[in-house]
């Protein structure tokens, strides 16, 4: 038996009640803290998992229409799939390209545009349409919000065409007149020289300095015009205001001569 005095001579601490109470609970406290943190993390993971399942509920059905603007115009699309794990919708567009979108504000806006799209193209916006007889310039004359229908009137003959919002052809004729190159190659021009009027065509566009080259029938003569040169717009407008008027008058005279000839023969 070792007495207390001997233990103290060897500098061993006396196993007093107070010492035991301090040393033993320190280990228990660490364990308690660990289990508390672990339980909290488990509860947090379970809550996050539950929240994710709640957030990943499919709000929009497949085939729901969307309408979205890209760099080259507006496109119609529809929801074709929903992934509940990633919370993303797969949307297939009219040009057969598909993209994924998270469930959020962007998707809501795309669907809202499809339900009630605003007028996206201002009135008087210029267009260029290529027909068998060449390029025709026109402008957006009116918009019907109920039918989502644009009416385009072409210069010269005054003919009109209607395009539904999102129509691929409509955005093609708009893109043909988008700056910086607002006049496609082959667009006609009409200019008066000393010897008379001459028909010409835009044969080149220089993107670096934003200039057009116009080649006229007279001696295969070419001239260069900056894009913002008022004369360039004038000689292009002259095709509709002068050349077409002259052509119509010539056709009318020819018809009158034919009628007069027929009457003389009778």
Protein backbone atom coordinates (compact mmCIF):
# COMPACT_ATOMS: atom_id res chain seq x y z
CA UNK A 1 0.00 0.00 0.00
CA UNK A 2 1.40 3.35 -0.94
CA UNK A 3 0.38 6.19 1.29
CA UNK A 4 -0.34 9.69 0.24
CA UNK A 5 2.93 11.00 1.57
CA UNK A 6 4.97 8.59 -0.57
CA UNK A 7 3.02 9.51 -3.66
CA UNK A 8 3.69 13.17 -3.03
CA UNK A 9 7.41 12.47 -2.63
CA UNK A 10 7.40 11.07 -6.17
CA UNK A 11 5.47 14.11 -7.34
CA UNK A 12 2.40 12.11 -8.45
CA UNK A 13 -0.78 14.13 -8.16
CA UNK A 14 -3.26 13.02 -5.62
CA UNK A 15 -6.30 11.45 -7.27
CA UNK A 16 -8.59 13.95 -5.71
CA UNK A 17 -12.28 14.12 -6.68
CA UNK A 18 -11.84 17.52 -8.25
CA UNK A 19 -9.08 16.30 -10.59
CA UNK A 20 -11.14 13.35 -11.79
CA UNK A 21 -14.14 15.57 -12.42
CA UNK A 22 -12.07 17.84 -14.65
CA UNK A 23 -10.23 15.20 -16.70
CA UNK A 24 -13.02 12.74 -17.45
CA UNK A 25 -15.71 15.15 -18.69
CA UNK A 26 -13.21 16.80 -21.12
CA UNK A 27 -13.25 13.63 -23.27
CA UNK A 28 -17.00 13.27 -22.99
CA UNK A 29 -17.48 16.90 -23.98
CA UNK A 30 -15.44 16.44 -27.18
CA UNK A 31 -17.48 13.38 -28.07
CA UNK A 32 -20.70 15.22 -27.39
CA UNK A 33 -19.62 18.13 -29.58
CA UNK A 34 -18.64 15.71 -32.39
CA UNK A 35 -21.96 13.88 -32.31
CA UNK A 36 -23.85 17.17 -32.14
CA UNK A 37 -22.02 18.50 -35.23
CA UNK A 38 -22.46 15.19 -37.06
CA UNK A 39 -26.18 15.14 -36.30
CA UNK A 40 -26.49 18.72 -37.45
CA UNK A 41 -24.69 17.91 -40.73
CA UNK A 42 -26.95 14.91 -41.34
CA UNK A 43 -30.03 17.02 -40.69
CA UNK A 44 -28.64 19.72 -43.02
CA UNK A 45 -28.00 17.19 -45.80
CA UNK A 46 -31.48 15.72 -45.35
CA UNK A 47 -33.00 19.21 -45.41
CA UNK A 48 -31.01 20.14 -48.53
CA UNK A 49 -32.07 16.93 -50.20
CA UNK A 50 -35.69 17.59 -49.34
CA UNK A 51 -35.41 21.20 -50.53
CA UNK A 52 -33.81 20.06 -53.76
CA UNK A 53 -36.62 17.58 -54.37
CA UNK A 54 -39.12 20.32 -53.70
CA UNK A 55 -37.34 22.80 -56.00
CA UNK A 56 -36.98 20.19 -58.74
CA UNK A 57 -40.68 19.63 -59.12
CA UNK A 58 -41.59 19.97 -62.80
CA UNK A 59 -43.56 23.18 -63.14
CA UNK A 60 -43.91 23.15 -66.93
CA UNK A 61 -45.19 20.26 -68.99
CA UNK A 62 -43.51 18.94 -72.10
CA UNK A 63 -44.50 20.68 -75.36
CA UNK A 64 -44.84 24.01 -73.52
CA UNK A 65 -43.95 26.72 -76.04
CA UNK A 66 -41.10 29.20 -75.54
CA UNK A 67 -39.95 32.24 -77.48
CA UNK A 68 -36.35 33.46 -77.11
CA UNK A 69 -34.09 36.03 -78.72
CA UNK A 70 -30.64 34.95 -79.92
CA UNK A 71 -27.96 37.03 -81.62
CA UNK A 72 -29.43 36.27 -85.06
CA UNK A 73 -33.10 36.75 -84.19
CA UNK A 74 -36.05 35.33 -82.27
CA UNK A 75 -36.81 31.61 -82.25
CA UNK A 76 -39.74 29.47 -81.23
CA UNK A 77 -39.12 26.34 -79.22
CA UNK A 78 -40.77 23.81 -76.94
CA UNK A 79 -39.91 21.85 -73.81
CA UNK A 80 -39.03 18.27 -74.72
CA UNK A 81 -37.63 16.93 -71.44
CA UNK A 82 -37.18 17.67 -67.72
CA UNK A 83 -34.31 16.26 -65.64
CA UNK A 84 -35.35 16.07 -61.99
CA UNK A 85 -31.76 15.42 -60.86
CA UNK A 86 -30.27 18.55 -62.40
CA UNK A 87 -33.48 20.61 -62.26
CA UNK A 88 -33.06 21.51 -65.94
CA UNK A 89 -35.42 21.66 -68.89
CA UNK A 90 -34.36 20.63 -72.38
CA UNK A 91 -35.76 22.95 -75.07
CA UNK A 92 -35.76 22.15 -78.77
CA UNK A 93 -35.87 25.14 -81.12
CA UNK A 94 -37.34 25.40 -84.60
CA UNK A 95 -33.88 25.18 -86.19
CA UNK A 96 -33.39 21.78 -84.46
CA UNK A 97 -30.88 23.11 -81.91
CA UNK A 98 -31.50 22.08 -78.29
CA UNK A 99 -30.36 23.78 -75.08
CA UNK A 100 -30.79 23.13 -71.36
CA UNK A 101 -32.16 25.77 -68.99
CA UNK A 102 -32.44 25.81 -65.22
CA UNK A 103 -35.84 26.39 -63.71
CA UNK A 104 -35.79 30.12 -63.06
CA UNK A 105 -36.50 33.64 -64.26
CA UNK A 106 -35.02 33.17 -67.75
CA UNK A 107 -37.26 30.20 -68.46
CA UNK A 108 -40.30 32.04 -67.08
CA UNK A 109 -39.61 34.99 -69.41
CA UNK A 110 -39.22 32.72 -72.44
CA UNK A 111 -42.57 31.10 -71.75
CA UNK A 112 -44.24 34.45 -71.07
CA UNK A 113 -42.98 35.74 -74.45
CA UNK A 114 -44.55 32.73 -76.15
CA UNK A 115 -47.89 33.34 -74.47
CA UNK A 116 -48.05 37.08 -75.11
CA UNK A 117 -45.08 38.32 -77.15
CA UNK A 118 -44.52 42.05 -77.52
CA UNK A 119 -43.99 43.77 -80.84
CA UNK A 120 -40.35 42.94 -81.39
CA UNK A 121 -39.73 44.69 -84.72
CA UNK A 122 -40.45 48.44 -84.93
CA UNK A 123 -42.55 49.86 -87.75
CA UNK A 124 -40.62 51.23 -90.76
CA UNK A 125 -37.80 48.73 -90.22
CA UNK A 126 -36.17 48.11 -93.60
CA UNK A 127 -36.10 44.65 -95.20
CA UNK A 128 -34.58 43.14 -98.35
CA UNK A 129 -36.13 40.17 -100.10
CA UNK A 130 -34.53 38.33 -103.02
CA UNK A 131 -36.96 37.37 -105.80
CA UNK A 132 -36.36 35.90 -109.24
CA UNK A 133 -36.04 39.39 -110.73
CA UNK A 134 -33.64 40.63 -108.07
CA UNK A 135 -33.60 42.29 -104.66
CA UNK A 136 -36.64 44.22 -103.49
CA UNK A 137 -36.53 46.77 -100.69
CA UNK A 138 -39.43 47.05 -98.30
CA UNK A 139 -40.38 48.11 -94.80
CA UNK A 140 -42.51 46.91 -91.89
CA UNK A 141 -45.79 48.74 -92.36
CA UNK A 142 -47.99 47.41 -89.55
CA UNK A 143 -48.28 44.88 -86.73
CA UNK A 144 -51.38 43.02 -85.48
CA UNK A 145 -50.81 42.09 -81.79
CA UNK A 146 -53.77 39.71 -81.66
CA UNK A 147 -52.62 37.69 -84.65
CA UNK A 148 -48.92 38.45 -83.98
CA UNK A 149 -48.72 39.34 -87.65
CA UNK A 150 -46.37 41.77 -89.44
CA UNK A 151 -47.23 43.36 -92.78
CA UNK A 152 -44.31 44.24 -95.04
CA UNK A 153 -44.84 46.62 -97.98
CA UNK A 154 -42.34 46.60 -100.82
CA UNK A 155 -41.21 49.74 -102.61
CA UNK A 156 -42.02 50.22 -106.25
CA UNK A 157 -45.01 47.97 -106.88
CA UNK A 158 -46.48 48.45 -103.40
CA UNK A 159 -47.08 44.73 -102.94
CA UNK A 160 -47.48 43.49 -99.37
CA UNK A 161 -46.65 40.25 -97.58
CA UNK A 162 -47.62 39.06 -94.11
CA UNK A 163 -45.33 37.27 -91.67
CA UNK A 164 -46.19 35.64 -88.35
CA UNK A 165 -43.98 36.51 -85.38
CA UNK A 166 -41.08 34.08 -85.35
CA UNK A 167 -41.37 33.21 -89.05
CA UNK A 168 -37.85 32.20 -90.18
CA UNK A 169 -38.28 33.92 -93.57
CA UNK A 170 -39.30 37.15 -91.84
CA UNK A 171 -36.07 37.26 -89.86
CA UNK A 172 -34.08 36.42 -92.97
CA UNK A 173 -35.35 39.46 -94.84
CA UNK A 174 -34.69 41.57 -91.73
CA UNK A 175 -31.15 40.21 -91.43
CA UNK A 176 -30.55 41.16 -95.08
CA UNK A 177 -30.78 44.82 -94.04
CA UNK A 178 -28.99 44.70 -90.69
CA UNK A 179 -26.05 47.12 -90.19
CA UNK A 180 -23.27 47.49 -90.95
CA UNK A 181 -24.04 46.00 -94.39
CA UNK A 182 -27.60 47.16 -94.89
CA UNK A 183 -27.53 46.66 -98.67
CA UNK A 184 -26.90 43.12 -99.97
CA UNK A 185 -24.68 42.55 -102.99
CA UNK A 186 -26.73 42.77 -106.17
CA UNK A 187 -29.05 45.54 -104.98
CA UNK A 188 -29.93 47.84 -107.89
CA UNK A 189 -29.11 51.55 -108.16
CA UNK A 190 -30.08 54.18 -110.70
CA UNK A 191 -28.07 57.31 -111.34
CA UNK A 192 -28.16 60.20 -113.79
CA UNK A 193 -24.95 60.95 -115.67
CA UNK A 194 -24.24 63.55 -118.37
CA UNK A 195 -25.46 61.21 -121.12
CA UNK A 196 -28.53 60.12 -119.20
CA UNK A 197 -29.63 57.67 -116.53
CA UNK A 198 -27.83 54.40 -115.99
CA UNK A 199 -28.79 51.30 -114.06
CA UNK A 200 -26.21 49.81 -111.71
CA UNK A 201 -25.73 47.24 -108.96
CA UNK A 202 -23.85 46.96 -105.71
CA UNK A 203 -20.94 44.70 -106.60
CA UNK A 204 -18.76 44.90 -103.49
CA UNK A 205 -18.87 45.77 -99.80
CA UNK A 206 -15.76 46.62 -97.79
CA UNK A 207 -16.34 45.88 -94.13
CA UNK A 208 -13.10 47.54 -93.00
CA UNK A 209 -14.07 51.04 -94.10
CA UNK A 210 -17.82 50.39 -94.46
CA UNK A 211 -18.03 51.35 -98.13
CA UNK A 212 -19.98 50.05 -101.14
CA UNK A 213 -18.87 49.72 -104.73
CA UNK A 214 -21.57 50.33 -107.31
CA UNK A 215 -20.99 49.29 -110.93
CA UNK A 216 -23.09 50.99 -113.61
CA UNK A 217 -23.99 49.81 -117.11
CA UNK A 218 -22.42 52.91 -118.68
CA UNK A 219 -18.92 51.84 -119.71
CA UNK A 220 -18.90 49.36 -116.82
CA UNK A 221 -18.19 52.38 -114.64
CA UNK A 222 -17.71 51.84 -110.88
CA UNK A 223 -18.02 54.28 -108.00
CA UNK A 224 -17.38 53.93 -104.25
CA UNK A 225 -19.80 55.23 -101.63
CA UNK A 226 -19.48 55.36 -97.82
CA UNK A 227 -22.38 53.61 -96.14
CA UNK A 228 -23.62 56.87 -94.65
CA UNK A 229 -23.40 58.81 -97.94
CA UNK A 230 -26.87 60.29 -98.69
CA UNK A 231 -26.22 59.87 -102.41
CA UNK A 232 -26.01 56.11 -102.00
CA UNK A 233 -29.50 56.05 -100.54
CA UNK A 234 -30.72 58.39 -103.28
CA UNK A 235 -29.49 56.26 -106.18
CA UNK A 236 -30.97 53.14 -104.58
CA UNK A 237 -34.33 54.86 -103.99
CA UNK A 238 -34.22 56.10 -107.60
CA UNK A 239 -34.72 52.52 -108.76
CA UNK A 240 -38.24 52.68 -107.33
CA UNK A 241 -39.01 56.36 -107.86
CA UNK A 242 -37.52 56.85 -111.34
CA UNK A 243 -36.53 53.65 -113.12
CA UNK A 244 -39.71 51.71 -112.31
CA UNK A 245 -41.84 54.69 -113.28
CA UNK A 246 -40.02 54.85 -116.61
CA UNK A 247 -40.49 51.14 -117.15
CA UNK A 248 -44.20 51.40 -116.40
CA UNK A 249 -44.57 54.29 -118.84
CA UNK A 250 -42.72 52.36 -121.55
CA UNK A 251 -44.93 49.33 -121.04
CA UNK A 252 -48.01 51.52 -121.24
CA UNK A 253 -46.79 53.09 -124.49
CA UNK A 254 -46.08 49.66 -125.97
CA UNK A 255 -49.58 48.50 -125.07
CA UNK A 256 -51.10 51.59 -126.66
CA UNK A 257 -49.08 51.00 -129.85
CA UNK A 258 -50.24 47.40 -129.97
CA UNK A 259 -53.87 48.47 -129.58
CA UNK A 260 -53.41 51.16 -132.21
CA UNK A 261 -51.82 48.65 -134.56
CA UNK A 262 -54.66 46.19 -134.09
CA UNK A 263 -57.23 48.90 -134.81
CA UNK A 264 -55.37 49.92 -138.00
CA UNK A 265 -55.31 46.32 -139.19
CA UNK A 266 -59.04 46.04 -138.72
